[in-house]
Amino acid sequence: MSIFIGQLIGFALIVFLLWKYAFPPLNRAVKASQSKIEDQVRESEAAKANLIKAQAAHDQAVADAAVEAEQLKADGASDAQAITEDLHAAAEAERKRIAAHGASQADLQRANLLRDLRGDLGRSAVARADELVRAQLSDPAEQSATVDRLLDELSAMSGSARPDTAVATSADLVGLHGMRASSREAAQAVSREANAVTGGLDAAALTSLGGELASIVALLNSQPVLRKKLAEPSDAADAKKALVTSLLSGKVSEPALAITATASAEKWSTGADFTAALQRQSDLSVLAAAENEGVIDRVEDELFRVGRLLDANPELTRLLSDHNTPGTGRASLLQQVLGDQVGAHTSALLSQTVTTLNGQPADIAVANLAELAAARRSETVAHVISALALTDAQHARLTSVLADIYGRAMSVQTEIDPALLGGLRISVGDDVIEGDVATRLATAAENLPR
């Protein structure tokens, strides 16, 4: 019994100890385990719910993706159809453009080919015509015949009025066209004074007067202040005359003094016009001397020949026109070139002209001088170039025909240029009649299709 009680007490002690010390931690552990299991159950339930939601979302996304895919497929098909149509339309437009461009290029090539063929044919025709013409005109008689045919054409022209081709030829106007109205009137007043004071002078006195006036021009050109004072428009005419008299009296002849004084009393547009009018009067004095001696026609012809010489020698013209070279040096050079091939009057005219060019090139100054000589004879100068020398009959007929056309006496100056082949090239003032064969052939070539 005691054993039983001892065992019972021991059992009770063990139970107490277990309850006191073992059960609480175990109970806590169990509770903790239960709580953990409950949490895991709850988490599992939540995960299950989330899984269900995710599955639903997945299913919905798959459904939406399927719908969107169908929509994209439909849109893609529609876009592809539109792109296909656009590409077809663009391809058709490009095809038409290329076809039209090809047709235009073909037309252009055809036109170019036809133009080239026409040009080649025209050039061949002109070349052949040139050969035939040259072959035919190798005979001087045929060349002379072309001149006669041109004279026939000009004769037909002479039957109609030609007011637009009138050329002023009076010595009172020649050389004054570049001046303003006031200077022209002043120059004409100087000419009237010169005519009045030179009426009784012989050829020698006229030639001397021309030299004196040329010297006065050189003096005025070297003294620009004096030239400006004498040329300026003012009412002090008497004072300017008195100044001229004080400067020149006893140094030049009375006619030269009277002409210069009259010029100083006039109103000039520029000082250059003043000296140009005196230079012109100097030239007219020498031409009057040549006219008194009956050699003015020779002087005119010599001046024309010198003009042609200058045209044919640009370097000589440049040297004679060089204003950096003293005037006497230029005149000396021209005299060395001409030697004794011109007469005294022509030599004097050329010397004083080249010495005082008044800003003009030498060839222009000599050409104006030749025109003034022709005007002194009341004639208009016609410059004629021919392939061969004109016969006396042709020269006379040409002079007569041109006189009929222009309504005034003509002075025909001729030169020979075989390059013209035949016919004539005539220049009267600003009028140019290109009746030569070479020009007509060149015109035919220029008018070919291009």
Protein backbone atom coordinates (compact mmCIF):
# COMPACT_ATOMS: atom_id res chain seq x y z
CA MET A 1 0.00 0.00 0.00
CA SER A 2 2.79 2.24 0.98
CA ILE A 3 4.42 1.39 -2.25
CA PHE A 4 1.24 2.32 -4.04
CA ILE A 5 0.95 5.54 -2.13
CA GLY A 6 4.58 6.28 -2.76
CA GLN A 7 4.15 5.59 -6.38
CA LEU A 8 0.98 7.68 -6.40
CA ILE A 9 2.77 10.55 -4.72
CA GLY A 10 5.62 10.13 -7.13
CA PHE A 11 3.18 10.01 -10.00
CA ALA A 12 1.43 13.07 -8.60
CA LEU A 13 4.77 14.76 -8.18
CA ILE A 14 5.70 13.89 -11.71
CA VAL A 15 2.31 15.09 -12.97
CA PHE A 16 2.77 18.30 -10.96
CA LEU A 17 6.20 18.80 -12.29
CA LEU A 18 5.00 18.09 -15.81
CA TRP A 19 2.06 20.43 -15.35
CA LYS A 20 4.21 23.02 -13.66
CA TYR A 21 7.23 22.93 -15.87
CA ALA A 22 6.59 20.78 -18.89
CA PHE A 23 3.02 21.46 -19.92
CA PRO A 24 3.24 25.27 -20.11
CA PRO A 25 6.11 25.32 -22.64
CA LEU A 26 4.53 22.42 -24.43
CA ASN A 27 1.17 24.14 -24.36
CA ARG A 28 2.80 27.29 -25.59
CA ALA A 29 4.57 25.35 -28.29
CA VAL A 30 1.32 23.66 -29.28
CA LYS A 31 -0.50 26.95 -29.32
CA ALA A 32 2.28 28.50 -31.28
CA SER A 33 2.20 25.58 -33.67
CA GLN A 34 -1.56 25.83 -33.93
CA SER A 35 -1.34 29.56 -34.51
CA LYS A 36 1.31 28.98 -37.12
CA ILE A 37 -0.77 26.28 -38.76
CA GLU A 38 -3.82 28.55 -38.64
CA ASP A 39 -1.77 31.32 -40.22
CA GLN A 40 -0.55 28.95 -42.86
CA VAL A 41 -4.12 27.79 -43.44
CA ARG A 42 -5.26 31.36 -43.77
CA GLU A 43 -2.36 32.11 -46.08
CA SER A 44 -3.16 29.02 -48.05
CA GLU A 45 -6.76 30.10 -48.29
CA ALA A 46 -5.65 33.58 -49.34
CA ALA A 47 -3.22 32.09 -51.83
CA LYS A 48 -5.96 29.87 -53.12
CA ALA A 49 -8.22 32.88 -53.46
CA ASN A 50 -5.42 34.80 -55.14
CA LEU A 51 -4.83 31.84 -57.41
CA ILE A 52 -8.46 31.81 -58.32
CA LYS A 53 -8.34 35.56 -58.97
CA ALA A 54 -5.14 35.18 -60.98
CA GLN A 55 -6.66 32.37 -62.95
CA ALA A 56 -9.70 34.51 -63.61
CA ALA A 57 -7.49 37.46 -64.58
CA HIS A 58 -5.44 35.17 -66.80
CA ASP A 59 -8.55 33.84 -68.44
CA GLN A 60 -9.82 37.40 -68.87
CA ALA A 61 -6.44 38.52 -70.27
CA VAL A 62 -6.42 35.58 -72.63
CA ALA A 63 -9.93 36.47 -73.75
CA ASP A 64 -9.01 40.14 -74.11
CA ALA A 65 -5.84 39.20 -75.99
CA ALA A 66 -7.87 37.01 -78.28
CA VAL A 67 -10.32 39.86 -78.92
CA GLU A 68 -7.44 42.34 -79.41
CA ALA A 69 -5.67 39.88 -81.68
CA GLU A 70 -8.80 39.58 -83.78
CA GLN A 71 -9.08 43.35 -83.85
CA LEU A 72 -5.40 43.71 -84.81
CA LYS A 73 -5.85 41.08 -87.44
CA ALA A 74 -8.85 42.89 -88.85
CA ASP A 75 -7.04 46.25 -88.69
CA GLY A 76 -3.94 44.71 -90.27
CA ALA A 77 -5.99 43.26 -93.05
CA SER A 78 -7.68 46.62 -93.60
CA ASP A 79 -4.35 48.48 -93.53
CA ALA A 80 -2.79 45.94 -95.84
CA GLN A 81 -5.70 46.39 -98.24
CA ALA A 82 -5.32 50.19 -98.10
CA ILE A 83 -1.54 49.98 -98.54
CA THR A 84 -1.99 47.59 -101.43
CA GLU A 85 -4.44 49.98 -103.07
CA ASP A 86 -2.09 52.96 -102.47
CA LEU A 87 0.84 51.03 -103.90
CA HIS A 88 -1.21 50.07 -106.94
CA ALA A 89 -2.29 53.69 -107.40
CA ALA A 90 1.29 54.98 -106.95
CA ALA A 91 2.62 52.32 -109.29
CA GLU A 92 0.00 53.24 -111.89
CA ALA A 93 0.81 56.95 -111.55
CA GLU A 94 4.54 56.22 -111.81
CA ARG A 95 3.90 54.02 -114.82
CA LYS A 96 1.95 56.79 -116.51
CA ARG A 97 4.64 59.34 -115.58
CA ILE A 98 7.40 57.15 -116.92
CA ALA A 99 5.39 56.47 -120.05
CA ALA A 100 4.70 60.18 -120.54
CA HIS A 101 8.34 61.07 -119.84
CA GLY A 102 9.48 58.38 -122.22
CA ALA A 103 7.13 59.71 -124.88
CA SER A 104 8.32 63.29 -124.33
CA GLN A 105 11.93 62.16 -124.42
CA ALA A 106 11.23 60.28 -127.61
CA ASP A 107 9.61 63.39 -129.08
CA LEU A 108 12.53 65.50 -127.88
CA GLN A 109 15.06 63.08 -129.34
CA ARG A 110 13.09 63.04 -132.57
CA ALA A 111 12.98 66.85 -132.62
CA ASN A 112 16.72 67.04 -131.84
CA LEU A 113 17.46 64.51 -134.52
CA LEU A 114 15.35 66.40 -137.05
CA ARG A 115 16.97 69.70 -136.04
CA ASP A 116 20.43 68.18 -136.32
CA LEU A 117 19.54 66.71 -139.67
CA ARG A 118 18.13 70.03 -140.86
CA GLY A 119 21.19 71.82 -139.51
CA ASP A 120 23.55 69.36 -141.17
CA LEU A 121 21.57 69.59 -144.38
CA GLY A 122 21.54 73.40 -144.19
CA ARG A 123 25.25 73.59 -143.41
CA SER A 124 25.98 71.17 -146.21
CA ALA A 125 23.83 73.23 -148.54
CA VAL A 126 25.50 76.48 -147.46
CA ALA A 127 28.94 74.90 -147.72
CA ARG A 128 28.11 73.60 -151.17
CA ALA A 129 26.64 76.96 -152.13
CA ASP A 130 29.80 78.62 -150.80
CA GLU A 131 31.94 76.33 -152.95
CA LEU A 132 29.81 76.97 -156.02
CA VAL A 133 29.75 80.72 -155.42
CA ARG A 134 33.50 80.87 -154.85
CA ALA A 135 34.08 78.79 -157.95
CA GLN A 136 31.86 81.03 -160.02
CA LEU A 137 33.23 84.25 -158.55
CA SER A 138 36.81 83.21 -159.18
CA ASP A 139 36.19 84.84 -162.55
CA PRO A 140 36.65 88.65 -162.22
CA ALA A 141 33.89 89.13 -164.78
CA GLU A 142 31.43 87.33 -162.51
CA GLN A 143 32.59 89.39 -159.53
CA SER A 144 32.02 92.55 -161.52
CA ALA A 145 28.57 91.25 -162.47
CA THR A 146 27.63 90.98 -158.78
CA VAL A 147 28.46 94.67 -158.41
CA ASP A 148 26.24 95.50 -161.38
CA ARG A 149 23.38 93.47 -159.91
CA LEU A 150 23.71 95.29 -156.59
CA LEU A 151 23.71 98.61 -158.42
CA ASP A 152 20.47 97.53 -160.10
CA GLU A 153 18.97 96.84 -156.67
CA LEU A 154 20.15 100.20 -155.38
CA SER A 155 18.72 101.90 -158.44
CA ALA A 156 15.34 100.40 -157.56
CA MET A 157 15.73 101.77 -154.02
CA SER A 158 16.49 105.24 -155.31
CA GLY A 159 12.99 105.50 -156.71
CA SER A 160 11.42 105.75 -153.24
CA ALA A 161 11.89 108.51 -150.69
CA ARG A 162 14.30 107.73 -147.86
CA PRO A 163 13.81 110.53 -145.31
CA ASP A 164 15.03 108.29 -142.49
CA THR A 165 18.43 107.92 -144.13
CA ALA A 166 19.16 111.59 -144.59
CA VAL A 167 22.71 112.42 -143.56
CA ALA A 168 23.69 115.95 -142.64
CA THR A 169 26.58 117.00 -144.86
CA SER A 170 26.88 120.75 -144.48
CA ALA A 171 30.26 121.88 -143.26
CA ASP A 172 28.33 124.08 -140.81
CA LEU A 173 27.01 120.94 -139.06
CA VAL A 174 29.66 118.28 -139.49
CA GLY A 175 31.64 117.82 -136.29
CA LEU A 176 29.00 119.52 -134.15
CA HIS A 177 26.56 116.65 -133.58
CA GLY A 178 28.16 115.69 -130.27
CA MET A 179 27.67 119.19 -128.83
CA ARG A 180 24.70 120.55 -126.96
CA ALA A 181 22.50 123.17 -128.57
CA SER A 182 24.24 126.16 -127.00
CA SER A 183 27.68 124.91 -128.09
CA ARG A 184 26.44 124.20 -131.64
CA GLU A 185 25.07 127.71 -131.93
CA ALA A 186 28.34 129.12 -130.60
CA ALA A 187 30.39 127.03 -133.05
CA GLN A 188 28.25 128.23 -135.95
CA ALA A 189 28.79 131.82 -134.81
CA VAL A 190 32.54 131.16 -134.86
CA SER A 191 32.23 129.75 -138.40
CA ARG A 192 30.35 132.84 -139.55
CA GLU A 193 33.06 135.08 -138.06
CA ALA A 194 35.75 132.95 -139.74
CA ASN A 195 34.02 133.24 -143.10
CA ALA A 196 33.83 136.99 -142.66
CA VAL A 197 37.49 137.53 -141.77
CA THR A 198 38.99 135.02 -144.24
CA GLY A 199 37.09 136.04 -147.35
CA GLY A 200 40.09 137.67 -149.05
CA LEU A 201 42.88 135.39 -147.80
CA ASP A 202 44.90 133.28 -150.18
CA ALA A 203 45.84 129.63 -149.70
CA ALA A 204 49.07 130.37 -147.86
CA ALA A 205 47.34 132.75 -145.41
CA LEU A 206 44.56 130.20 -144.80
CA THR A 207 47.09 127.46 -144.11
CA SER A 208 48.95 129.75 -141.72
CA LEU A 209 45.66 130.64 -140.01
CA GLY A 210 44.94 126.96 -139.49
CA GLY A 211 48.30 126.51 -137.81
CA GLU A 212 47.75 129.53 -135.58
CA LEU A 213 44.36 128.29 -134.44
CA ALA A 214 45.84 124.86 -133.76
CA SER A 215 48.54 126.51 -131.62
CA ILE A 216 45.87 128.44 -129.72
CA VAL A 217 44.01 125.18 -129.05
CA ALA A 218 47.21 123.60 -127.75
CA LEU A 219 47.73 126.64 -125.49
CA LEU A 220 44.21 126.42 -124.09
CA ASN A 221 44.52 122.67 -123.50
CA SER A 222 47.71 123.26 -121.54
CA GLN A 223 46.01 126.01 -119.49
CA PRO A 224 42.72 124.50 -118.26
CA VAL A 225 41.99 127.44 -115.93
CA LEU A 226 42.25 129.89 -118.84
CA ARG A 227 40.14 127.65 -121.05
CA LYS A 228 37.48 127.40 -118.35
CA LYS A 229 37.49 131.17 -117.87
CA LEU A 230 37.04 131.85 -121.60
CA ALA A 231 34.44 129.11 -122.13
CA GLU A 232 32.23 129.64 -119.10
CA PRO A 233 28.81 131.08 -119.96
CA SER A 234 28.59 134.63 -118.65
CA ASP A 235 27.50 138.09 -119.69
CA ALA A 236 31.06 139.45 -119.56
CA ALA A 237 31.67 138.92 -123.29
CA ASP A 238 33.56 142.16 -123.71
CA ALA A 239 35.82 141.34 -120.77
CA LYS A 240 36.66 137.94 -122.23
CA LYS A 241 37.37 139.49 -125.63
CA ALA A 242 39.67 141.99 -123.96
CA LEU A 243 41.45 139.15 -122.16
CA VAL A 244 41.99 137.29 -125.45
CA THR A 245 43.25 140.46 -127.12
CA SER A 246 45.71 141.13 -124.31
CA LEU A 247 47.04 137.58 -124.47
CA LEU A 248 47.27 137.12 -128.25
CA SER A 249 47.61 140.56 -129.77
CA GLY A 250 50.83 140.77 -131.75
CA LYS A 251 51.43 137.05 -131.41
CA VAL A 252 48.92 135.80 -133.99
CA SER A 253 47.33 137.23 -137.11
CA GLU A 254 44.29 139.48 -136.96
CA PRO A 255 41.95 136.77 -138.37
CA ALA A 256 43.12 134.26 -135.73
CA LEU A 257 42.68 136.89 -133.01
CA ALA A 258 39.19 137.82 -134.27
CA ILE A 259 38.05 134.19 -134.46
CA THR A 260 39.34 133.39 -130.94
CA ALA A 261 37.83 136.55 -129.49
CA THR A 262 34.47 135.75 -131.06
CA ALA A 263 34.65 132.21 -129.68
CA SER A 264 35.41 133.52 -126.17
CA ALA A 265 32.36 135.79 -126.30
CA GLU A 266 29.99 132.88 -127.01
CA LYS A 267 28.30 130.61 -124.45
CA TRP A 268 29.66 127.06 -124.39
CA SER A 269 28.33 123.99 -122.61
CA THR A 270 31.84 122.77 -121.79
CA GLY A 271 35.41 123.94 -122.19
CA ALA A 272 36.05 120.94 -124.44
CA ASP A 273 33.39 122.23 -126.88
CA PHE A 274 35.17 125.60 -126.94
CA THR A 275 38.52 124.12 -128.01
CA ALA A 276 36.84 121.59 -130.32
CA ALA A 277 35.16 124.44 -132.22
CA LEU A 278 38.49 126.27 -132.61
CA GLN A 279 40.15 123.02 -133.75
CA ARG A 280 37.35 122.49 -136.26
CA GLN A 281 37.83 126.01 -137.57
CA SER A 282 41.56 125.35 -137.85
CA ASP A 283 40.81 122.27 -140.00
CA LEU A 284 38.31 124.19 -142.11
CA SER A 285 40.91 126.90 -142.78
CA VAL A 286 43.40 124.36 -144.16
CA LEU A 287 40.62 122.71 -146.18
CA ALA A 288 39.68 126.12 -147.58
CA ALA A 289 43.31 126.55 -148.63
CA ALA A 290 43.22 123.16 -150.37
CA GLU A 291 39.97 124.15 -152.05
CA ASN A 292 41.52 127.41 -153.28
CA GLU A 293 44.39 125.44 -154.79
CA GLY A 294 42.00 122.89 -156.34
CA VAL A 295 43.35 119.87 -154.44
CA ILE A 296 40.61 119.34 -151.87
CA ASP A 297 39.48 116.14 -153.60
CA ARG A 298 43.02 114.81 -153.28
CA VAL A 299 43.12 115.83 -149.60
CA GLU A 300 39.83 114.06 -148.97
CA ASP A 301 41.09 110.89 -150.65
CA GLU A 302 44.37 110.98 -148.70
CA LEU A 303 42.55 111.44 -145.41
CA PHE A 304 40.35 108.48 -146.26
CA ARG A 305 43.41 106.34 -147.04
CA VAL A 306 45.06 107.30 -143.76
CA GLY A 307 41.84 106.39 -141.95
CA ARG A 308 41.92 102.94 -143.56
CA LEU A 309 45.57 102.63 -142.59
CA LEU A 310 44.73 103.29 -138.94
CA ASP A 311 41.82 100.83 -139.06
CA ALA A 312 44.15 98.15 -140.36
CA ASN A 313 46.88 98.89 -137.78
CA PRO A 314 45.44 98.93 -134.24
CA GLU A 315 48.89 99.23 -132.67
CA LEU A 316 49.63 102.39 -134.65
CA THR A 317 46.23 103.77 -133.63
CA ARG A 318 47.00 102.99 -129.99
CA LEU A 319 50.33 104.79 -130.16
CA LEU A 320 48.80 107.84 -131.84
CA SER A 321 45.98 107.90 -129.27
CA ASP A 322 48.27 107.67 -126.23
CA HIS A 323 47.68 110.91 -124.34
CA ASN A 324 50.71 110.21 -122.15
CA THR A 325 52.87 110.90 -125.21
CA PRO A 326 53.34 114.59 -126.11
CA GLY A 327 51.26 115.72 -129.09
CA THR A 328 54.33 116.70 -131.09
CA GLY A 329 55.72 113.20 -130.59
CA ARG A 330 52.51 111.63 -131.88
CA ALA A 331 52.51 113.93 -134.91
CA SER A 332 56.16 113.11 -135.60
CA LEU A 333 55.42 109.39 -135.48
CA LEU A 334 52.60 109.76 -138.01
CA GLN A 335 54.79 111.84 -140.31
CA GLN A 336 57.48 109.14 -140.19
CA VAL A 337 54.90 106.51 -141.13
CA LEU A 338 53.39 108.53 -143.99
CA GLY A 339 56.58 110.11 -145.33
CA ASP A 340 55.90 111.93 -148.59
CA GLN A 341 52.83 109.86 -149.48
CA VAL A 342 50.46 112.72 -148.64
CA GLY A 343 50.39 116.35 -149.70
CA ALA A 344 51.22 119.41 -147.63
CA HIS A 345 47.62 120.21 -146.74
CA THR A 346 46.89 116.65 -145.66
CA SER A 347 50.11 116.56 -143.64
CA ALA A 348 49.21 119.83 -141.89
CA LEU A 349 45.69 118.61 -141.10
CA LEU A 350 46.93 115.30 -139.72
CA SER A 351 49.67 116.92 -137.66
CA GLN A 352 47.39 119.41 -135.93
CA THR A 353 44.67 116.79 -135.46
CA VAL A 354 46.97 114.19 -133.88
CA THR A 355 48.63 116.87 -131.75
CA THR A 356 45.29 117.96 -130.20
CA LEU A 357 43.03 114.92 -130.14
CA ASN A 358 40.62 116.48 -127.61
CA GLY A 359 40.07 113.11 -125.93
CA GLN A 360 39.28 111.22 -129.16
CA PRO A 361 41.06 108.10 -130.45
CA ALA A 362 43.25 108.91 -133.42
CA ASP A 363 41.28 106.79 -135.91
CA ILE A 364 38.00 108.51 -134.96
CA ALA A 365 39.59 111.96 -135.20
CA VAL A 366 40.97 111.20 -138.69
CA ALA A 367 37.62 109.76 -139.82
CA ASN A 368 35.86 112.94 -138.64
CA LEU A 369 38.47 114.98 -140.48
CA ALA A 370 37.77 113.07 -143.71
CA GLU A 371 34.04 113.65 -143.21
CA LEU A 372 34.69 117.36 -142.71
CA ALA A 373 36.70 117.44 -145.94
CA ALA A 374 33.83 115.80 -147.81
CA ALA A 375 31.37 118.21 -146.23
CA ARG A 376 33.56 121.11 -147.38
CA ARG A 377 32.85 119.90 -150.90
CA SER A 378 29.14 119.68 -149.99
CA GLU A 379 29.34 115.92 -150.27
CA THR A 380 28.48 112.98 -148.03
CA VAL A 381 31.17 110.36 -147.70
CA ALA A 382 30.24 106.81 -148.70
CA HIS A 383 32.77 104.20 -147.61
CA VAL A 384 32.61 101.33 -150.08
CA ILE A 385 34.40 97.99 -149.80
CA SER A 386 34.50 95.72 -152.83
CA ALA A 387 36.11 92.41 -153.72
CA LEU A 388 37.87 93.95 -156.70
CA ALA A 389 38.50 97.43 -158.02
CA LEU A 390 35.42 99.16 -159.45
CA THR A 391 35.49 100.25 -163.05
CA ASP A 392 35.11 103.93 -163.76
CA ALA A 393 31.60 103.27 -165.02
CA GLN A 394 30.64 101.38 -161.86
CA HIS A 395 32.16 104.08 -159.66
CA ALA A 396 30.24 106.78 -161.49
CA ARG A 397 27.00 104.81 -161.42
CA LEU A 398 27.38 104.04 -157.69
CA THR A 399 27.99 107.72 -156.97
CA SER A 400 24.90 108.66 -158.94
CA VAL A 401 22.69 105.98 -157.36
CA LEU A 402 23.74 106.90 -153.81
CA ALA A 403 23.17 110.57 -154.58
CA ASP A 404 19.64 109.70 -155.73
CA ILE A 405 18.99 107.63 -152.58
CA TYR A 406 20.27 110.20 -150.08
CA GLY A 407 19.26 113.28 -152.04
CA ARG A 408 22.69 114.94 -151.92
CA ALA A 409 26.08 114.84 -153.59
CA MET A 410 28.19 111.84 -152.61
CA SER A 411 31.91 111.24 -152.30
CA VAL A 412 32.60 107.54 -152.80
CA GLN A 413 35.76 106.23 -151.13
CA THR A 414 36.61 102.65 -152.05
CA GLU A 415 38.87 99.97 -150.72
CA ILE A 416 39.40 96.38 -151.80
CA ASP A 417 38.85 93.29 -149.65
CA PRO A 418 38.84 90.00 -151.63
CA ALA A 419 37.18 88.28 -148.65
CA LEU A 420 33.89 89.89 -149.69
CA LEU A 421 33.85 87.58 -152.77
CA GLY A 422 31.55 89.92 -154.68
CA GLY A 423 29.04 92.73 -154.38
CA LEU A 424 29.64 95.80 -152.19
CA ARG A 425 29.55 96.80 -148.54
CA ILE A 426 28.55 100.46 -148.28
CA SER A 427 28.63 102.70 -145.19
CA VAL A 428 27.04 106.15 -145.26
CA GLY A 429 26.99 107.73 -141.82
CA ASP A 430 25.24 105.20 -139.58
CA ASP A 431 23.69 103.39 -142.57
CA VAL A 432 25.33 100.15 -143.65
CA ILE A 433 24.28 98.37 -146.85
CA GLU A 434 25.66 94.83 -146.70
CA GLY A 435 25.33 93.84 -150.31
CA ASP A 436 28.46 91.68 -150.46
CA VAL A 437 28.32 87.95 -151.18
CA ALA A 438 30.32 86.94 -148.08
CA THR A 439 27.83 88.66 -145.76
CA ARG A 440 24.88 87.05 -147.49
CA LEU A 441 26.46 83.61 -147.16
CA ALA A 442 27.19 84.27 -143.48
CA THR A 443 23.60 85.44 -142.95
CA ALA A 444 22.29 82.29 -144.60
CA ALA A 445 24.44 80.17 -142.28
CA GLU A 446 23.27 82.11 -139.20
CA ASN A 447 19.62 81.67 -140.17
CA LEU A 448 19.90 77.89 -140.28
CA PRO A 449 17.63 75.97 -137.82
CA ARG A 450 19.30 75.50 -134.46
